[in-house]
Amino acid sequence: MEEEVKFRVIHPRLVVQIITTSISGIIIFINSGKDSYINIVFLLLIIFYIGFLIRRKYFTKLSLTLGLNYIVTNKGEKYDSSQIEVIYIALDRVGFKLTGASIIPIDLHISFPIEIERQAMNSIREWAMRNNKQIIIKRFISWL
């Protein structure tokens, strides 16, 4: 493996978030009084949140860089291999759990586009073996 490999990544559950937020907004709007100011404010918040999610899905270029003994997230944060306790893999999602953390930060919870998924997963496995990191195949929770 080269010294540094960069992969394009996607948000794992962004489409699900957009759909569920849209449906909940529609249900709330239909079941409540349309003239209530609280409902209007709540509906506007939902619309802004959906806009934020759509912007995040289609206009944000995300990447993950695997170095010899570090990773760099799309935010430019560099994590040394000593900061990473374990790597979780759940179907098409990957999560890097930090040492001492109980859940995975959202910027370390990623998925790969289908066309590069196999190559990226193999690179992550090689990176984990080279840095003596355990890979656990099970569902995991991520957080902001």
N, C-alpha and C. Protein backbone atom coordinates (compact mmCIF):
# COMPACT_ATOMS: atom_id res chain seq x y z
N MET A 1 0.84 -1.18 0.00
CA MET A 1 0.00 0.00 0.00
C MET A 1 0.88 1.24 0.00
N GLU A 2 0.45 2.25 -0.75
CA GLU A 2 1.21 3.49 -0.80
C GLU A 2 1.24 4.15 0.57
N GLU A 3 2.01 5.21 0.63
CA GLU A 3 2.14 5.91 1.90
C GLU A 3 0.82 6.55 2.34
N GLU A 4 0.06 7.06 1.38
CA GLU A 4 -1.19 7.73 1.71
C GLU A 4 -2.22 7.42 0.63
N VAL A 5 -3.42 7.02 1.04
CA VAL A 5 -4.49 6.70 0.10
C VAL A 5 -5.71 7.52 0.49
N LYS A 6 -6.32 8.17 -0.51
CA LYS A 6 -7.48 9.02 -0.25
C LYS A 6 -8.70 8.41 -0.95
N PHE A 7 -9.81 8.33 -0.20
CA PHE A 7 -11.05 7.79 -0.73
C PHE A 7 -12.17 8.81 -0.60
N ARG A 8 -13.06 8.80 -1.59
CA ARG A 8 -14.27 9.62 -1.49
C ARG A 8 -15.25 8.85 -0.61
N VAL A 9 -15.90 9.55 0.31
CA VAL A 9 -16.86 8.90 1.21
C VAL A 9 -18.21 9.58 1.10
N ILE A 10 -19.23 8.91 1.60
CA ILE A 10 -20.58 9.46 1.61
C ILE A 10 -21.13 9.37 3.03
N HIS A 11 -22.17 10.15 3.30
CA HIS A 11 -22.84 10.07 4.59
C HIS A 11 -23.69 8.80 4.61
N PRO A 12 -23.52 7.96 5.61
CA PRO A 12 -24.18 6.66 5.60
C PRO A 12 -25.70 6.69 5.61
N ARG A 13 -26.30 7.51 6.38
CA ARG A 13 -27.75 7.45 6.54
C ARG A 13 -28.42 8.78 6.21
N LEU A 14 -27.86 9.57 5.34
CA LEU A 14 -28.39 10.90 5.07
C LEU A 14 -29.73 10.86 4.35
N VAL A 15 -29.90 9.97 3.40
CA VAL A 15 -31.16 9.88 2.67
C VAL A 15 -32.28 9.47 3.62
N VAL A 16 -32.00 8.56 4.52
CA VAL A 16 -33.00 8.14 5.51
C VAL A 16 -33.39 9.32 6.39
N GLN A 17 -32.42 10.13 6.80
CA GLN A 17 -32.72 11.31 7.62
C GLN A 17 -33.61 12.29 6.86
N ILE A 18 -33.32 12.52 5.59
CA ILE A 18 -34.12 13.45 4.79
C ILE A 18 -35.55 12.95 4.68
N ILE A 19 -35.73 11.68 4.39
CA ILE A 19 -37.07 11.12 4.22
C ILE A 19 -37.85 11.14 5.52
N THR A 20 -37.26 10.70 6.63
CA THR A 20 -37.99 10.66 7.90
C THR A 20 -38.32 12.06 8.40
N THR A 21 -37.42 13.01 8.20
CA THR A 21 -37.71 14.38 8.61
C THR A 21 -38.83 14.96 7.77
N SER A 22 -38.84 14.69 6.48
CA SER A 22 -39.90 15.18 5.61
C SER A 22 -41.25 14.59 6.00
N ILE A 23 -41.28 13.30 6.23
CA ILE A 23 -42.54 12.64 6.60
C ILE A 23 -43.04 13.15 7.95
N SER A 24 -42.15 13.31 8.92
CA SER A 24 -42.60 13.81 10.22
C SER A 24 -43.11 15.24 10.11
N GLY A 25 -42.49 16.06 9.29
CA GLY A 25 -42.98 17.42 9.09
C GLY A 25 -44.35 17.45 8.45
N ILE A 26 -44.57 16.59 7.48
CA ILE A 26 -45.87 16.52 6.82
C ILE A 26 -46.94 16.04 7.79
N ILE A 27 -46.63 15.02 8.57
CA ILE A 27 -47.60 14.49 9.54
C ILE A 27 -47.96 15.54 10.59
N ILE A 28 -46.96 16.24 11.10
CA ILE A 28 -47.23 17.28 12.10
C ILE A 28 -48.08 18.39 11.50
N PHE A 29 -47.77 18.78 10.26
CA PHE A 29 -48.52 19.86 9.61
C PHE A 29 -49.96 19.45 9.36
N ILE A 30 -50.20 18.22 8.95
CA ILE A 30 -51.56 17.75 8.66
C ILE A 30 -52.37 17.59 9.94
N ASN A 31 -51.77 17.08 11.01
CA ASN A 31 -52.51 16.77 12.23
C ASN A 31 -52.69 17.95 13.17
N SER A 32 -52.07 19.06 12.90
CA SER A 32 -52.19 20.19 13.82
C SER A 32 -52.92 21.34 13.15
N GLY A 33 -53.28 22.32 13.97
CA GLY A 33 -53.91 23.52 13.44
C GLY A 33 -52.90 24.30 12.61
N LYS A 34 -53.29 24.67 11.42
CA LYS A 34 -52.35 25.32 10.51
C LYS A 34 -52.09 26.78 10.87
N ASP A 35 -52.89 27.35 11.73
CA ASP A 35 -52.74 28.76 12.06
C ASP A 35 -51.96 29.00 13.36
N SER A 36 -51.50 27.96 13.98
CA SER A 36 -50.74 28.10 15.22
C SER A 36 -49.31 28.56 14.91
N TYR A 37 -48.86 29.59 15.63
CA TYR A 37 -47.51 30.12 15.40
C TYR A 37 -46.43 29.11 15.76
N ILE A 38 -46.66 28.33 16.78
CA ILE A 38 -45.68 27.32 17.17
C ILE A 38 -45.51 26.28 16.07
N ASN A 39 -46.62 25.87 15.47
CA ASN A 39 -46.54 24.90 14.37
C ASN A 39 -45.83 25.48 13.16
N ILE A 40 -46.06 26.75 12.87
CA ILE A 40 -45.39 27.40 11.74
C ILE A 40 -43.89 27.48 11.99
N VAL A 41 -43.50 27.85 13.20
CA VAL A 41 -42.07 27.92 13.54
C VAL A 41 -41.45 26.52 13.46
N PHE A 42 -42.14 25.53 13.98
CA PHE A 42 -41.64 24.16 13.94
C PHE A 42 -41.49 23.68 12.50
N LEU A 43 -42.47 23.99 11.65
CA LEU A 43 -42.42 23.59 10.25
C LEU A 43 -41.26 24.29 9.54
N LEU A 44 -41.02 25.56 9.84
CA LEU A 44 -39.88 26.27 9.25
C LEU A 44 -38.56 25.65 9.67
N LEU A 45 -38.45 25.25 10.93
CA LEU A 45 -37.23 24.58 11.39
C LEU A 45 -37.01 23.26 10.64
N ILE A 46 -38.08 22.52 10.42
CA ILE A 46 -37.96 21.27 9.67
C ILE A 46 -37.52 21.54 8.24
N ILE A 47 -38.08 22.57 7.61
CA ILE A 47 -37.70 22.91 6.23
C ILE A 47 -36.23 23.31 6.16
N PHE A 48 -35.76 24.12 7.11
CA PHE A 48 -34.34 24.50 7.13
C PHE A 48 -33.45 23.28 7.36
N TYR A 49 -33.88 22.37 8.22
CA TYR A 49 -33.10 21.17 8.49
C TYR A 49 -33.02 20.29 7.24
N ILE A 50 -34.13 20.14 6.54
CA ILE A 50 -34.13 19.36 5.29
C ILE A 50 -33.21 20.02 4.27
N GLY A 51 -33.25 21.35 4.18
CA GLY A 51 -32.34 22.07 3.28
C GLY A 51 -30.89 21.84 3.64
N PHE A 52 -30.59 21.86 4.94
CA PHE A 52 -29.23 21.59 5.40
C PHE A 52 -28.79 20.18 5.01
N LEU A 53 -29.68 19.20 5.20
CA LEU A 53 -29.34 17.82 4.85
C LEU A 53 -29.12 17.65 3.35
N ILE A 54 -29.96 18.29 2.55
CA ILE A 54 -29.80 18.20 1.09
C ILE A 54 -28.49 18.85 0.66
N ARG A 55 -28.17 20.01 1.24
CA ARG A 55 -26.89 20.67 0.93
C ARG A 55 -25.72 19.77 1.31
N ARG A 56 -25.84 19.14 2.46
CA ARG A 56 -24.78 18.26 2.94
C ARG A 56 -24.61 17.04 2.04
N LYS A 57 -25.72 16.53 1.51
CA LYS A 57 -25.65 15.35 0.65
C LYS A 57 -25.07 15.66 -0.72
N TYR A 58 -25.52 16.74 -1.35
CA TYR A 58 -25.18 16.97 -2.74
C TYR A 58 -24.06 17.97 -2.98
N PHE A 59 -23.73 18.80 -2.02
CA PHE A 59 -22.75 19.85 -2.27
C PHE A 59 -21.52 19.78 -1.38
N THR A 60 -21.36 18.73 -0.61
CA THR A 60 -20.19 18.58 0.24
C THR A 60 -19.35 17.42 -0.28
N LYS A 61 -18.11 17.71 -0.59
CA LYS A 61 -17.18 16.67 -1.05
C LYS A 61 -16.47 16.11 0.17
N LEU A 62 -16.70 14.86 0.46
CA LEU A 62 -16.13 14.23 1.64
C LEU A 62 -15.04 13.24 1.24
N SER A 63 -14.05 13.11 2.12
CA SER A 63 -12.97 12.16 1.84
C SER A 63 -12.41 11.60 3.14
N LEU A 64 -11.73 10.49 3.01
CA LEU A 64 -11.01 9.86 4.11
C LEU A 64 -9.63 9.51 3.57
N THR A 65 -8.60 9.94 4.29
CA THR A 65 -7.23 9.65 3.88
C THR A 65 -6.63 8.67 4.87
N LEU A 66 -6.12 7.56 4.36
CA LEU A 66 -5.44 6.57 5.18
C LEU A 66 -3.94 6.73 4.98
N GLY A 67 -3.24 7.13 6.03
CA GLY A 67 -1.79 7.21 5.99
C GLY A 67 -1.19 5.94 6.57
N LEU A 68 0.10 5.92 6.72
CA LEU A 68 0.74 4.72 7.27
C LEU A 68 0.27 4.42 8.68
N ASN A 69 0.22 5.45 9.55
CA ASN A 69 -0.22 5.24 10.93
C ASN A 69 -1.16 6.34 11.40
N TYR A 70 -1.94 6.88 10.47
CA TYR A 70 -2.91 7.92 10.81
C TYR A 70 -4.04 7.92 9.79
N ILE A 71 -5.13 8.60 10.14
CA ILE A 71 -6.21 8.86 9.19
C ILE A 71 -6.53 10.34 9.25
N VAL A 72 -6.99 10.88 8.15
CA VAL A 72 -7.42 12.28 8.08
C VAL A 72 -8.86 12.28 7.59
N THR A 73 -9.74 12.93 8.35
CA THR A 73 -11.16 12.97 7.99
C THR A 73 -11.41 14.13 7.03
N ASN A 74 -12.67 14.22 6.60
CA ASN A 74 -13.05 15.28 5.67
C ASN A 74 -12.95 16.67 6.30
N LYS A 75 -12.97 16.76 7.60
CA LYS A 75 -12.83 18.05 8.27
C LYS A 75 -11.37 18.45 8.41
N GLY A 76 -10.47 17.60 7.96
CA GLY A 76 -9.04 17.88 8.06
C GLY A 76 -8.43 17.48 9.38
N GLU A 77 -9.21 16.82 10.23
CA GLU A 77 -8.68 16.38 11.52
C GLU A 77 -7.86 15.11 11.33
N LYS A 78 -6.68 15.12 11.90
CA LYS A 78 -5.77 13.99 11.77
C LYS A 78 -5.80 13.17 13.06
N TYR A 79 -6.04 11.88 12.93
CA TYR A 79 -6.08 10.98 14.07
C TYR A 79 -4.95 9.98 13.93
N ASP A 80 -4.09 9.95 14.91
CA ASP A 80 -3.00 8.98 14.94
C ASP A 80 -3.59 7.61 15.27
N SER A 81 -2.92 6.55 14.85
CA SER A 81 -3.45 5.20 15.11
C SER A 81 -3.55 4.91 16.60
N SER A 82 -2.74 5.57 17.42
CA SER A 82 -2.83 5.35 18.87
C SER A 82 -4.12 5.93 19.45
N GLN A 83 -4.77 6.87 18.75
CA GLN A 83 -6.03 7.45 19.21
C GLN A 83 -7.22 6.56 18.88
N ILE A 84 -7.04 5.62 17.97
CA ILE A 84 -8.13 4.76 17.52
C ILE A 84 -8.06 3.44 18.26
N GLU A 85 -9.14 3.11 18.95
CA GLU A 85 -9.18 1.89 19.75
C GLU A 85 -9.58 0.68 18.91
N VAL A 86 -10.63 0.82 18.11
CA VAL A 86 -11.17 -0.30 17.35
C VAL A 86 -11.89 0.23 16.11
N ILE A 87 -12.02 -0.61 15.10
CA ILE A 87 -12.73 -0.25 13.88
C ILE A 87 -13.97 -1.14 13.79
N TYR A 88 -15.14 -0.52 13.67
CA TYR A 88 -16.38 -1.26 13.51
C TYR A 88 -16.78 -1.26 12.04
N ILE A 89 -17.27 -2.39 11.58
CA ILE A 89 -17.81 -2.49 10.23
C ILE A 89 -19.21 -3.10 10.35
N ALA A 90 -20.19 -2.41 9.78
CA ALA A 90 -21.57 -2.88 9.77
C ALA A 90 -22.11 -2.74 8.35
N LEU A 91 -22.17 -3.85 7.64
CA LEU A 91 -22.58 -3.88 6.23
C LEU A 91 -21.70 -2.94 5.41
N ASP A 92 -22.25 -1.81 5.00
CA ASP A 92 -21.49 -0.88 4.16
C ASP A 92 -20.93 0.31 4.95
N ARG A 93 -21.09 0.31 6.25
CA ARG A 93 -20.64 1.43 7.08
C ARG A 93 -19.38 1.06 7.86
N VAL A 94 -18.54 2.07 8.08
CA VAL A 94 -17.31 1.89 8.85
C VAL A 94 -17.27 2.95 9.93
N GLY A 95 -16.86 2.57 11.13
CA GLY A 95 -16.72 3.52 12.22
C GLY A 95 -15.40 3.32 12.93
N PHE A 96 -14.70 4.42 13.16
CA PHE A 96 -13.43 4.39 13.89
C PHE A 96 -13.72 4.88 15.31
N LYS A 97 -13.65 3.98 16.29
CA LYS A 97 -13.92 4.34 17.68
C LYS A 97 -12.63 4.83 18.33
N LEU A 98 -12.71 6.02 18.91
CA LEU A 98 -11.54 6.59 19.57
C LEU A 98 -11.32 5.96 20.94
N THR A 99 -10.09 5.97 21.38
CA THR A 99 -9.74 5.41 22.68
C THR A 99 -10.46 6.18 23.78
N GLY A 100 -11.14 5.46 24.66
CA GLY A 100 -11.85 6.07 25.77
C GLY A 100 -13.24 6.56 25.43
N ALA A 101 -13.63 6.56 24.17
CA ALA A 101 -14.96 7.03 23.78
C ALA A 101 -15.95 5.88 23.87
N SER A 102 -17.19 6.22 24.18
CA SER A 102 -18.20 5.16 24.26
C SER A 102 -18.93 4.98 22.93
N ILE A 103 -18.99 6.03 22.11
CA ILE A 103 -19.61 5.93 20.79
C ILE A 103 -18.71 6.59 19.75
N ILE A 104 -19.04 6.39 18.50
CA ILE A 104 -18.21 6.86 17.39
C ILE A 104 -18.63 8.26 16.97
N PRO A 105 -17.68 9.20 16.85
CA PRO A 105 -18.03 10.54 16.36
C PRO A 105 -18.54 10.48 14.92
N ILE A 106 -19.41 11.42 14.56
CA ILE A 106 -20.04 11.39 13.24
C ILE A 106 -19.04 11.53 12.11
N ASP A 107 -17.93 12.26 12.32
CA ASP A 107 -16.96 12.40 11.23
C ASP A 107 -16.09 11.16 11.05
N LEU A 108 -16.17 10.22 11.99
CA LEU A 108 -15.46 8.94 11.85
C LEU A 108 -16.42 7.80 11.52
N HIS A 109 -17.63 8.15 11.12
CA HIS A 109 -18.66 7.18 10.71
C HIS A 109 -18.89 7.42 9.22
N ILE A 110 -18.45 6.49 8.39
CA ILE A 110 -18.45 6.74 6.95
C ILE A 110 -18.97 5.54 6.17
N SER A 111 -19.30 5.81 4.92
CA SER A 111 -19.60 4.79 3.93
C SER A 111 -18.88 5.18 2.65
N PHE A 112 -18.71 4.22 1.78
CA PHE A 112 -18.04 4.48 0.51
C PHE A 112 -19.03 4.30 -0.63
N PRO A 113 -18.84 5.03 -1.72
CA PRO A 113 -19.67 4.77 -2.91
C PRO A 113 -19.48 3.33 -3.37
N ILE A 114 -20.51 2.76 -3.95
CA ILE A 114 -20.50 1.34 -4.32
C ILE A 114 -19.32 1.00 -5.24
N GLU A 115 -18.97 1.90 -6.15
CA GLU A 115 -17.93 1.57 -7.12
C GLU A 115 -16.54 1.42 -6.51
N ILE A 116 -16.30 2.00 -5.33
CA ILE A 116 -14.98 1.87 -4.69
C ILE A 116 -15.05 1.17 -3.34
N GLU A 117 -16.22 0.64 -2.99
CA GLU A 117 -16.41 0.08 -1.65
C GLU A 117 -15.46 -1.08 -1.35
N ARG A 118 -15.32 -2.00 -2.27
CA ARG A 118 -14.47 -3.17 -2.03
C ARG A 118 -13.00 -2.76 -1.85
N GLN A 119 -12.52 -1.88 -2.72
CA GLN A 119 -11.13 -1.41 -2.63
C GLN A 119 -10.90 -0.67 -1.32
N ALA A 120 -11.85 0.19 -0.93
CA ALA A 120 -11.71 0.96 0.30
C ALA A 120 -11.74 0.06 1.53
N MET A 121 -12.64 -0.92 1.55
CA MET A 121 -12.71 -1.84 2.69
C MET A 121 -11.43 -2.66 2.81
N ASN A 122 -10.88 -3.08 1.68
CA ASN A 122 -9.61 -3.81 1.72
C ASN A 122 -8.48 -2.93 2.26
N SER A 123 -8.48 -1.67 1.87
CA SER A 123 -7.45 -0.75 2.37
C SER A 123 -7.59 -0.52 3.86
N ILE A 124 -8.83 -0.44 4.34
CA ILE A 124 -9.05 -0.27 5.78
C ILE A 124 -8.58 -1.51 6.54
N ARG A 125 -8.86 -2.68 6.01
CA ARG A 125 -8.39 -3.92 6.65
C ARG A 125 -6.86 -3.97 6.69
N GLU A 126 -6.22 -3.58 5.59
CA GLU A 126 -4.74 -3.54 5.56
C GLU A 126 -4.21 -2.54 6.58
N TRP A 127 -4.85 -1.37 6.65
CA TRP A 127 -4.44 -0.33 7.59
C TRP A 127 -4.56 -0.85 9.02
N ALA A 128 -5.68 -1.53 9.31
CA ALA A 128 -5.91 -2.07 10.66
C ALA A 128 -4.87 -3.13 11.01
N MET A 129 -4.54 -4.00 10.07
CA MET A 129 -3.53 -5.03 10.34
C MET A 129 -2.16 -4.39 10.57
N ARG A 130 -1.82 -3.41 9.76
CA ARG A 130 -0.52 -2.76 9.89
C ARG A 130 -0.38 -2.02 11.22
N ASN A 131 -1.49 -1.49 11.73
CA ASN A 131 -1.46 -0.72 12.97
C ASN A 131 -1.99 -1.49 14.18
N ASN A 132 -2.17 -2.80 14.03
CA ASN A 132 -2.64 -3.67 15.12
C ASN A 132 -3.95 -3.20 15.73
N LYS A 133 -4.91 -2.88 14.88
CA LYS A 133 -6.23 -2.46 15.34
C LYS A 133 -7.23 -3.58 15.07
N GLN A 134 -8.06 -3.83 16.05
CA GLN A 134 -9.07 -4.88 15.94
C GLN A 134 -10.22 -4.39 15.07
N ILE A 135 -10.72 -5.25 14.21
CA ILE A 135 -11.92 -4.95 13.42
C ILE A 135 -13.05 -5.79 13.98
N ILE A 136 -14.14 -5.12 14.36
CA ILE A 136 -15.32 -5.80 14.89
C ILE A 136 -16.45 -5.62 13.89
N ILE A 137 -17.05 -6.71 13.49
CA ILE A 137 -18.15 -6.64 12.54
C ILE A 137 -19.45 -6.72 13.33
N LYS A 138 -20.05 -5.55 13.57
CA LYS A 138 -21.33 -5.46 14.27
C LYS A 138 -21.86 -4.05 14.13
N ARG A 139 -23.12 -3.87 14.45
CA ARG A 139 -23.75 -2.55 14.37
C ARG A 139 -23.15 -1.64 15.44
N PHE A 140 -23.15 -0.35 15.15
CA PHE A 140 -22.60 0.60 16.09
C PHE A 140 -23.40 1.90 16.05
N ILE A 141 -23.18 2.72 17.07
CA ILE A 141 -23.88 4.00 17.21
C ILE A 141 -22.88 5.12 16.99
N SER A 142 -23.31 6.14 16.24
CA SER A 142 -22.46 7.32 16.07
C SER A 142 -23.19 8.53 16.65
N TRP A 143 -22.44 9.57 16.90
CA TRP A 143 -22.97 10.76 17.54
C TRP A 143 -22.25 11.98 17.02
N LEU A 144 -22.91 13.12 17.14
CA LEU A 144 -22.31 14.37 16.70
C LEU A 144 -21.12 14.64 17.49
